[in-house]
């Protein structure tokens, strides 16, 4: 879509009933840049049109929810020692360690999903469910915003509605190391840590744990097809526009890479 005249929300409906969405199969990027791009795409929804972006994280990172405290959630000394990025998301939810996953973000007009946020999670997360089924797993939606396989969480998502659009982003775990994750998150004591690690091991799974040998590109392709099928989308592969890139660079420096944002609570 880059370089073409942007379509209005009404014009994206095709004769076959599918909605046209720009697909960005993106790179592995630092945390502040990933979050800056998500916000830039959201702010440019009216110009650039609805967008599905699939990306990774390099270096690994811990992201915290909008309402959380960085110092209370993250062991900052451990993160610095290991070269792990830290960033505050524009969305709510809990702290997430990003390393062994494919991450998606979808930006769409509010009228594409139910007005009730809890209902909209089910609609959007159906894309993840169908992607996992394509990869051979019996997945289903569960709770508020999770996707599970054999009763264990494999994907979580978070959403915000602002700047005239809906942004939902989330993870699909390709692998998981619970001990490493908890070495970066703050817990009250070693005794509590051990109990939490055991609890998470019982409740969380990954593609590798479920016997699926898939690289990032295969997972990204499955996610793209899953969202297209679940939400009746016509995906057109594209790139970020110059305006989006310019705003993302600004947001990366002034917001997501800035302690004033990341440590605001």
C-alpha atoms as a PDB file:
ATOM      1  CA  UNK A   1       0.000   0.000   0.000  1.00  0.00           C
ATOM      2  CA  UNK A   2       2.960   2.337   0.487  1.00  0.00           C
ATOM      3  CA  UNK A   3       2.917   5.103  -2.101  1.00  0.00           C
ATOM      4  CA  UNK A   4      -0.748   4.533  -2.985  1.00  0.00           C
ATOM      5  CA  UNK A   5      -3.641   6.784  -2.062  1.00  0.00           C
ATOM      6  CA  UNK A   6      -4.986   5.691   1.328  1.00  0.00           C
ATOM      7  CA  UNK A   7      -8.392   4.076   1.343  1.00  0.00           C
ATOM      8  CA  UNK A   8     -11.181   5.255   3.609  1.00  0.00           C
ATOM      9  CA  UNK A   9     -12.724   2.766   6.022  1.00  0.00           C
ATOM     10  CA  UNK A  10     -15.761   2.496   3.752  1.00  0.00           C
ATOM     11  CA  UNK A  11     -13.657   1.898   0.654  1.00  0.00           C
ATOM     12  CA  UNK A  12     -11.680  -1.041   2.024  1.00  0.00           C
ATOM     13  CA  UNK A  13     -14.640  -3.363   1.495  1.00  0.00           C
ATOM     14  CA  UNK A  14     -14.063  -5.354  -1.678  1.00  0.00           C
ATOM     15  CA  UNK A  15     -16.705  -6.788  -4.002  1.00  0.00           C
ATOM     16  CA  UNK A  16     -16.105 -10.208  -2.428  1.00  0.00           C
ATOM     17  CA  UNK A  17     -16.866  -8.796   1.016  1.00  0.00           C
ATOM     18  CA  UNK A  18     -13.316  -8.994   2.317  1.00  0.00           C
ATOM     19  CA  UNK A  19     -11.690  -6.027   4.010  1.00  0.00           C
ATOM     20  CA  UNK A  20      -8.321  -4.963   2.668  1.00  0.00           C
ATOM     21  CA  UNK A  21      -5.517  -4.854   5.232  1.00  0.00           C
ATOM     22  CA  UNK A  22      -1.853  -4.016   4.788  1.00  0.00           C
ATOM     23  CA  UNK A  23       0.370  -6.898   5.920  1.00  0.00           C
ATOM     24  CA  UNK A  24       3.831  -6.034   7.247  1.00  0.00           C
ATOM     25  CA  UNK A  25       6.074  -9.056   7.810  1.00  0.00           C
ATOM     26  CA  UNK A  26       8.592  -7.104   9.832  1.00  0.00           C
ATOM     27  CA  UNK A  27      12.050  -7.567  11.302  1.00  0.00           C
ATOM     28  CA  UNK A  28      13.343  -8.329  14.790  1.00  0.00           C
ATOM     29  CA  UNK A  29      13.654  -4.901  16.413  1.00  0.00           C
ATOM     30  CA  UNK A  30      14.545  -3.343  19.804  1.00  0.00           C
ATOM     31  CA  UNK A  31      11.678  -2.941  22.260  1.00  0.00           C
ATOM     32  CA  UNK A  32      11.359   0.846  22.088  1.00  0.00           C
ATOM     33  CA  UNK A  33      11.228   0.725  18.287  1.00  0.00           C
ATOM     34  CA  UNK A  34       8.607  -2.015  18.228  1.00  0.00           C
ATOM     35  CA  UNK A  35       6.314  -0.102  20.562  1.00  0.00           C
ATOM     36  CA  UNK A  36       6.941   3.151  18.684  1.00  0.00           C
ATOM     37  CA  UNK A  37       5.977   1.526  15.387  1.00  0.00           C
ATOM     38  CA  UNK A  38       2.787   0.087  16.865  1.00  0.00           C
ATOM     39  CA  UNK A  39       1.729   3.541  18.047  1.00  0.00           C
ATOM     40  CA  UNK A  40       2.778   5.249  14.806  1.00  0.00           C
ATOM     41  CA  UNK A  41       0.678   2.814  12.759  1.00  0.00           C
ATOM     42  CA  UNK A  42      -2.277   3.402  15.085  1.00  0.00           C
ATOM     43  CA  UNK A  43      -1.966   7.190  14.760  1.00  0.00           C
ATOM     44  CA  UNK A  44      -1.849   6.911  10.956  1.00  0.00           C
ATOM     45  CA  UNK A  45      -4.786   4.525  10.588  1.00  0.00           C
ATOM     46  CA  UNK A  46      -6.883   7.042   8.653  1.00  0.00           C
ATOM     47  CA  UNK A  47      -4.043   7.642   6.151  1.00  0.00           C
ATOM     48  CA  UNK A  48      -2.383   4.253   5.840  1.00  0.00           C
ATOM     49  CA  UNK A  49      -5.378   2.013   6.405  1.00  0.00           C
ATOM     50  CA  UNK A  50      -5.836  -1.061   8.608  1.00  0.00           C
ATOM     51  CA  UNK A  51      -2.615  -2.960   9.244  1.00  0.00           C
ATOM     52  CA  UNK A  52      -1.459  -6.355  10.492  1.00  0.00           C
ATOM     53  CA  UNK A  53       2.214  -6.372  11.513  1.00  0.00           C
ATOM     54  CA  UNK A  54       4.109  -9.494  12.613  1.00  0.00           C
ATOM     55  CA  UNK A  55       7.492  -8.998  14.220  1.00  0.00           C
ATOM     56  CA  UNK A  56      10.125 -10.191  16.699  1.00  0.00           C
ATOM     57  CA  UNK A  57      12.350  -8.680  19.395  1.00  0.00           C
ATOM     58  CA  UNK A  58      16.118  -8.216  19.317  1.00  0.00           C
ATOM     59  CA  UNK A  59      17.582  -7.981  21.888  1.00  0.00           C
ATOM     60  CA  UNK A  60      15.162  -9.822  24.185  1.00  0.00           C
ATOM     61  CA  UNK A  61      12.932  -7.510  26.198  1.00  0.00           C
ATOM     62  CA  UNK A  62      10.525  -7.212  29.087  1.00  0.00           C
ATOM     63  CA  UNK A  63       7.457  -5.101  28.374  1.00  0.00           C
ATOM     64  CA  UNK A  64       5.161  -3.960  31.157  1.00  0.00           C
ATOM     65  CA  UNK A  65       1.526  -2.903  30.950  1.00  0.00           C
ATOM     66  CA  UNK A  66       0.489   0.743  30.866  1.00  0.00           C
ATOM     67  CA  UNK A  67      -0.636   0.749  34.513  1.00  0.00           C
ATOM     68  CA  UNK A  68       2.323  -1.148  35.981  1.00  0.00           C
ATOM     69  CA  UNK A  69       5.450   0.050  37.800  1.00  0.00           C
ATOM     70  CA  UNK A  70       8.736  -0.821  36.098  1.00  0.00           C
ATOM     71  CA  UNK A  71      10.710  -0.966  39.356  1.00  0.00           C
ATOM     72  CA  UNK A  72       8.088  -3.207  40.982  1.00  0.00           C
ATOM     73  CA  UNK A  73       7.767  -5.628  38.060  1.00  0.00           C
ATOM     74  CA  UNK A  74      11.286  -5.948  36.612  1.00  0.00           C
ATOM     75  CA  UNK A  75      14.660  -6.827  38.127  1.00  0.00           C
ATOM     76  CA  UNK A  76      16.430  -3.967  36.397  1.00  0.00           C
ATOM     77  CA  UNK A  77      19.930  -5.022  37.478  1.00  0.00           C
ATOM     78  CA  UNK A  78      19.405  -8.478  35.969  1.00  0.00           C
ATOM     79  CA  UNK A  79      17.979  -6.979  32.784  1.00  0.00           C
ATOM     80  CA  UNK A  80      20.955  -4.620  32.363  1.00  0.00           C
ATOM     81  CA  UNK A  81      23.450  -7.396  33.076  1.00  0.00           C
ATOM     82  CA  UNK A  82      21.883  -9.608  30.397  1.00  0.00           C
ATOM     83  CA  UNK A  83      21.343  -6.895  27.804  1.00  0.00           C
ATOM     84  CA  UNK A  84      17.561  -7.199  28.014  1.00  0.00           C
ATOM     85  CA  UNK A  85      15.504  -4.174  26.937  1.00  0.00           C
ATOM     86  CA  UNK A  86      12.702  -2.829  29.121  1.00  0.00           C
ATOM     87  CA  UNK A  87       9.730  -0.823  27.875  1.00  0.00           C
ATOM     88  CA  UNK A  88       6.236   0.287  28.898  1.00  0.00           C
ATOM     89  CA  UNK A  89       3.439  -0.595  26.483  1.00  0.00           C
ATOM     90  CA  UNK A  90       0.599   1.681  25.482  1.00  0.00           C
ATOM     91  CA  UNK A  91      -1.727  -1.240  26.302  1.00  0.00           C
ATOM     92  CA  UNK A  92      -2.613  -2.708  29.692  1.00  0.00           C
ATOM     93  CA  UNK A  93      -1.950  -6.165  31.072  1.00  0.00           C
ATOM     94  CA  UNK A  94       1.017  -7.691  32.852  1.00  0.00           C
ATOM     95  CA  UNK A  95       4.762  -7.930  32.371  1.00  0.00           C
ATOM     96  CA  UNK A  96       5.870 -10.091  29.427  1.00  0.00           C
ATOM     97  CA  UNK A  97       9.310 -11.481  28.577  1.00  0.00           C
ATOM     98  CA  UNK A  98       9.792 -11.365  24.804  1.00  0.00           C
ATOM     99  CA  UNK A  99      12.305 -13.788  23.418  1.00  0.00           C
ATOM    100  CA  UNK A 100      10.934 -17.031  21.977  1.00  0.00           C
ATOM    101  CA  UNK A 101       7.883 -15.788  20.139  1.00  0.00           C
ATOM    102  CA  UNK A 102       6.195 -14.229  17.164  1.00  0.00           C
ATOM    103  CA  UNK A 103       4.389 -11.013  18.038  1.00  0.00           C
ATOM    104  CA  UNK A 104       1.465  -9.584  16.111  1.00  0.00           C
ATOM    105  CA  UNK A 105      -0.131  -6.141  16.181  1.00  0.00           C
ATOM    106  CA  UNK A 106      -3.342  -5.333  14.374  1.00  0.00           C
ATOM    107  CA  UNK A 107      -4.683  -1.809  13.874  1.00  0.00           C
ATOM    108  CA  UNK A 108      -8.262  -1.508  12.669  1.00  0.00           C
ATOM    109  CA  UNK A 109     -11.245   0.866  12.797  1.00  0.00           C
ATOM    110  CA  UNK A 110     -13.432   0.458  15.911  1.00  0.00           C
ATOM    111  CA  UNK A 111     -16.460  -0.519  13.844  1.00  0.00           C
ATOM    112  CA  UNK A 112     -14.728  -3.717  12.715  1.00  0.00           C
ATOM    113  CA  UNK A 113     -15.086  -5.275  16.166  1.00  0.00           C
ATOM    114  CA  UNK A 114     -17.720  -5.357  18.916  1.00  0.00           C
ATOM    115  CA  UNK A 115     -17.902  -2.254  21.077  1.00  0.00           C
ATOM    116  CA  UNK A 116     -17.374  -4.303  24.230  1.00  0.00           C
ATOM    117  CA  UNK A 117     -13.644  -4.928  24.623  1.00  0.00           C
ATOM    118  CA  UNK A 118     -14.097  -8.425  26.055  1.00  0.00           C
ATOM    119  CA  UNK A 119     -16.130  -9.422  22.991  1.00  0.00           C
ATOM    120  CA  UNK A 120     -13.591  -7.888  20.605  1.00  0.00           C
ATOM    121  CA  UNK A 121     -10.792  -9.986  22.112  1.00  0.00           C
ATOM    122  CA  UNK A 122     -12.637 -13.137  21.100  1.00  0.00           C
ATOM    123  CA  UNK A 123     -13.099 -11.869  17.527  1.00  0.00           C
ATOM    124  CA  UNK A 124      -9.468 -10.861  17.023  1.00  0.00           C
ATOM    125  CA  UNK A 125      -7.906 -13.792  18.890  1.00  0.00           C
ATOM    126  CA  UNK A 126      -9.751 -16.188  16.581  1.00  0.00           C
ATOM    127  CA  UNK A 127      -6.958 -15.362  14.129  1.00  0.00           C
ATOM    128  CA  UNK A 128      -4.431 -16.934  16.522  1.00  0.00           C
ATOM    129  CA  UNK A 129      -6.681 -19.931  17.092  1.00  0.00           C
ATOM    130  CA  UNK A 130      -6.860 -20.617  13.368  1.00  0.00           C
ATOM    131  CA  UNK A 131      -3.125 -20.111  12.926  1.00  0.00           C
ATOM    132  CA  UNK A 132      -2.446 -22.724  15.594  1.00  0.00           C
ATOM    133  CA  UNK A 133      -4.886 -25.122  14.022  1.00  0.00           C
ATOM    134  CA  UNK A 134      -3.025 -24.725  10.727  1.00  0.00           C
ATOM    135  CA  UNK A 135       0.141 -25.653  12.631  1.00  0.00           C
ATOM    136  CA  UNK A 136      -1.582 -28.825  13.795  1.00  0.00           C
ATOM    137  CA  UNK A 137      -2.701 -27.854  17.307  1.00  0.00           C
ATOM    138  CA  UNK A 138      -6.194 -27.918  18.795  1.00  0.00           C
ATOM    139  CA  UNK A 139      -6.352 -24.350  20.096  1.00  0.00           C
ATOM    140  CA  UNK A 140      -9.219 -22.397  21.631  1.00  0.00           C
ATOM    141  CA  UNK A 141      -9.980 -18.997  23.138  1.00  0.00           C
ATOM    142  CA  UNK A 142     -10.050 -18.881  26.953  1.00  0.00           C
ATOM    143  CA  UNK A 143     -10.482 -16.383  29.753  1.00  0.00           C
ATOM    144  CA  UNK A 144     -10.378 -12.690  28.897  1.00  0.00           C
ATOM    145  CA  UNK A 145      -7.724 -12.586  26.160  1.00  0.00           C
ATOM    146  CA  UNK A 146      -5.798 -15.864  26.078  1.00  0.00           C
ATOM    147  CA  UNK A 147      -5.464 -18.690  23.573  1.00  0.00           C
ATOM    148  CA  UNK A 148      -4.828 -22.150  24.974  1.00  0.00           C
ATOM    149  CA  UNK A 149      -3.691 -25.538  23.710  1.00  0.00           C
ATOM    150  CA  UNK A 150      -4.582 -28.581  25.810  1.00  0.00           C
ATOM    151  CA  UNK A 151      -5.713 -26.224  28.551  1.00  0.00           C
ATOM    152  CA  UNK A 152      -2.393 -24.362  28.734  1.00  0.00           C
ATOM    153  CA  UNK A 153      -1.789 -20.763  27.637  1.00  0.00           C
ATOM    154  CA  UNK A 154       0.214 -20.290  24.453  1.00  0.00           C
ATOM    155  CA  UNK A 155      -0.805 -16.731  23.561  1.00  0.00           C
ATOM    156  CA  UNK A 156      -1.828 -13.568  25.386  1.00  0.00           C
ATOM    157  CA  UNK A 157      -2.958 -10.208  24.023  1.00  0.00           C
ATOM    158  CA  UNK A 158      -3.600  -6.627  25.107  1.00  0.00           C
ATOM    159  CA  UNK A 159      -5.656  -3.864  23.523  1.00  0.00           C
ATOM    160  CA  UNK A 160      -6.133  -0.108  23.518  1.00  0.00           C
ATOM    161  CA  UNK A 161      -8.627   2.151  21.781  1.00  0.00           C
ATOM    162  CA  UNK A 162      -7.397   5.655  21.084  1.00  0.00           C
ATOM    163  CA  UNK A 163      -6.430   8.005  18.252  1.00  0.00           C
ATOM    164  CA  UNK A 164      -9.573   6.878  16.433  1.00  0.00           C
ATOM    165  CA  UNK A 165      -8.605   3.236  16.142  1.00  0.00           C
ATOM    166  CA  UNK A 166      -8.126  -0.109  17.857  1.00  0.00           C
ATOM    167  CA  UNK A 167      -4.654  -1.525  18.502  1.00  0.00           C
ATOM    168  CA  UNK A 168      -4.354  -5.092  19.723  1.00  0.00           C
ATOM    169  CA  UNK A 169      -1.013  -6.815  20.014  1.00  0.00           C
ATOM    170  CA  UNK A 170       0.036 -10.113  21.488  1.00  0.00           C
ATOM    171  CA  UNK A 171       2.413 -13.037  21.484  1.00  0.00           C
ATOM    172  CA  UNK A 172       2.514 -16.592  20.217  1.00  0.00           C
ATOM    173  CA  UNK A 173       5.070 -18.621  22.164  1.00  0.00           C
ATOM    174  CA  UNK A 174       7.384 -20.695  20.013  1.00  0.00           C
ATOM    175  CA  UNK A 175       9.415 -21.820  23.043  1.00  0.00           C
ATOM    176  CA  UNK A 176       9.538 -20.909  26.727  1.00  0.00           C
ATOM    177  CA  UNK A 177      12.044 -20.967  29.607  1.00  0.00           C
ATOM    178  CA  UNK A 178      10.156 -20.159  32.791  1.00  0.00           C
ATOM    179  CA  UNK A 179      13.261 -20.018  34.984  1.00  0.00           C
ATOM    180  CA  UNK A 180      14.877 -17.455  32.706  1.00  0.00           C
ATOM    181  CA  UNK A 181      11.695 -15.421  32.611  1.00  0.00           C
ATOM    182  CA  UNK A 182      11.430 -15.275  36.400  1.00  0.00           C
ATOM    183  CA  UNK A 183      15.097 -14.365  36.728  1.00  0.00           C
ATOM    184  CA  UNK A 184      14.105 -11.017  35.173  1.00  0.00           C
ATOM    185  CA  UNK A 185      10.816 -10.423  36.988  1.00  0.00           C
ATOM    186  CA  UNK A 186      10.492  -9.315  40.593  1.00  0.00           C
ATOM    187  CA  UNK A 187       8.846 -11.699  43.069  1.00  0.00           C
ATOM    188  CA  UNK A 188       8.574 -11.302  46.848  1.00  0.00           C
ATOM    189  CA  UNK A 189      10.889 -14.177  47.861  1.00  0.00           C
ATOM    190  CA  UNK A 190      12.688 -17.293  46.667  1.00  0.00           C
ATOM    191  CA  UNK A 191       9.973 -19.435  48.229  1.00  0.00           C
ATOM    192  CA  UNK A 192       7.289 -17.577  46.301  1.00  0.00           C
ATOM    193  CA  UNK A 193       9.433 -17.678  43.152  1.00  0.00           C
ATOM    194  CA  UNK A 194       9.625 -21.490  43.259  1.00  0.00           C
ATOM    195  CA  UNK A 195       5.853 -21.762  43.633  1.00  0.00           C
ATOM    196  CA  UNK A 196       5.265 -19.287  40.806  1.00  0.00           C
ATOM    197  CA  UNK A 197       7.661 -21.108  38.480  1.00  0.00           C
ATOM    198  CA  UNK A 198       5.891 -24.408  39.115  1.00  0.00           C
ATOM    199  CA  UNK A 199       2.498 -22.767  38.603  1.00  0.00           C
ATOM    200  CA  UNK A 200       3.514 -21.158  35.312  1.00  0.00           C
ATOM    201  CA  UNK A 201       5.066 -24.391  34.036  1.00  0.00           C
ATOM    202  CA  UNK A 202       1.724 -26.080  34.680  1.00  0.00           C
ATOM    203  CA  UNK A 203      -0.259 -23.322  32.947  1.00  0.00           C
ATOM    204  CA  UNK A 204       1.913 -22.253  29.976  1.00  0.00           C
ATOM    205  CA  UNK A 205       2.981 -24.099  26.844  1.00  0.00           C
ATOM    206  CA  UNK A 206       4.684 -23.362  23.508  1.00  0.00           C
ATOM    207  CA  UNK A 207       4.875 -24.692  19.987  1.00  0.00           C
ATOM    208  CA  UNK A 208       8.051 -26.600  20.867  1.00  0.00           C
ATOM    209  CA  UNK A 209       6.462 -28.078  24.002  1.00  0.00           C
ATOM    210  CA  UNK A 210       3.533 -29.241  21.861  1.00  0.00           C
ATOM    211  CA  UNK A 211       5.844 -30.931  19.347  1.00  0.00           C
ATOM    212  CA  UNK A 212       5.640 -28.308  16.585  1.00  0.00           C
ATOM    213  CA  UNK A 213       8.971 -27.567  14.905  1.00  0.00           C
ATOM    214  CA  UNK A 214       8.355 -24.202  13.238  1.00  0.00           C
ATOM    215  CA  UNK A 215      10.653 -21.281  12.494  1.00  0.00           C
ATOM    216  CA  UNK A 216       9.609 -17.637  12.781  1.00  0.00           C
ATOM    217  CA  UNK A 217       8.630 -17.252   9.132  1.00  0.00           C
ATOM    218  CA  UNK A 218       6.396 -20.308   9.150  1.00  0.00           C
ATOM    219  CA  UNK A 219       4.656 -19.030  12.286  1.00  0.00           C
ATOM    220  CA  UNK A 220       4.306 -15.529  10.797  1.00  0.00           C
ATOM    221  CA  UNK A 221       2.753 -16.952   7.620  1.00  0.00           C
ATOM    222  CA  UNK A 222       0.343 -19.055   9.678  1.00  0.00           C
ATOM    223  CA  UNK A 223      -0.672 -15.998  11.713  1.00  0.00           C
ATOM    224  CA  UNK A 224      -1.289 -13.969   8.566  1.00  0.00           C
ATOM    225  CA  UNK A 225      -3.497 -16.681   7.087  1.00  0.00           C
ATOM    226  CA  UNK A 226      -5.235 -17.208  10.421  1.00  0.00           C
ATOM    227  CA  UNK A 227      -6.215 -13.548  10.757  1.00  0.00           C
ATOM    228  CA  UNK A 228      -7.259 -13.357   7.108  1.00  0.00           C
ATOM    229  CA  UNK A 229      -9.562 -16.333   7.519  1.00  0.00           C
ATOM    230  CA  UNK A 230     -10.957 -15.408  10.933  1.00  0.00           C
ATOM    231  CA  UNK A 231     -11.662 -11.745  10.132  1.00  0.00           C
ATOM    232  CA  UNK A 232     -12.441 -12.066   6.402  1.00  0.00           C
ATOM    233  CA  UNK A 233      -9.443  -9.993   5.330  1.00  0.00           C
ATOM    234  CA  UNK A 234      -7.687  -9.472   2.018  1.00  0.00           C
ATOM    235  CA  UNK A 235      -4.037  -9.071   3.010  1.00  0.00           C
ATOM    236  CA  UNK A 236      -1.802  -6.936   0.782  1.00  0.00           C
ATOM    237  CA  UNK A 237       1.858  -7.098   1.720  1.00  0.00           C
ATOM    238  CA  UNK A 238       3.390  -3.663   2.251  1.00  0.00           C
ATOM    239  CA  UNK A 239       5.803  -1.579   4.278  1.00  0.00           C
ATOM    240  CA  UNK A 240       5.690   1.353   6.662  1.00  0.00           C
ATOM    241  CA  UNK A 241       5.155   4.742   5.054  1.00  0.00           C
ATOM    242  CA  UNK A 242       7.648   7.572   5.382  1.00  0.00           C
ATOM    243  CA  UNK A 243       5.258   9.400   7.732  1.00  0.00           C
ATOM    244  CA  UNK A 244       4.925   6.331   9.941  1.00  0.00           C
ATOM    245  CA  UNK A 245       8.677   5.798  10.026  1.00  0.00           C
ATOM    246  CA  UNK A 246       9.274   9.446  10.890  1.00  0.00           C
ATOM    247  CA  UNK A 247       6.764   9.374  13.749  1.00  0.00           C
ATOM    248  CA  UNK A 248       8.109   6.018  14.972  1.00  0.00           C
ATOM    249  CA  UNK A 249      11.648   7.437  15.168  1.00  0.00           C
ATOM    250  CA  UNK A 250      10.332  10.400  17.152  1.00  0.00           C
ATOM    251  CA  UNK A 251       8.332   8.197  19.528  1.00  0.00           C
ATOM    252  CA  UNK A 252      11.261   5.831  19.999  1.00  0.00           C
ATOM    253  CA  UNK A 253      13.491   8.652  21.260  1.00  0.00           C
ATOM    254  CA  UNK A 254      11.017  10.865  23.080  1.00  0.00           C
ATOM    255  CA  UNK A 255       8.674   8.241  24.557  1.00  0.00           C
ATOM    256  CA  UNK A 256       9.460   4.530  24.511  1.00  0.00           C
ATOM    257  CA  UNK A 257      13.202   4.985  24.900  1.00  0.00           C
ATOM    258  CA  UNK A 258      12.754   7.614  27.606  1.00  0.00           C
ATOM    259  CA  UNK A 259      12.763   6.979  31.365  1.00  0.00           C
ATOM    260  CA  UNK A 260      10.028   9.591  31.805  1.00  0.00           C
ATOM    261  CA  UNK A 261       7.625   7.205  30.038  1.00  0.00           C
ATOM    262  CA  UNK A 262       9.021   3.863  31.133  1.00  0.00           C
ATOM    263  CA  UNK A 263       9.302   4.779  34.821  1.00  0.00           C
ATOM    264  CA  UNK A 264       6.285   7.060  35.067  1.00  0.00           C
ATOM    265  CA  UNK A 265       4.593   4.927  37.768  1.00  0.00           C
END
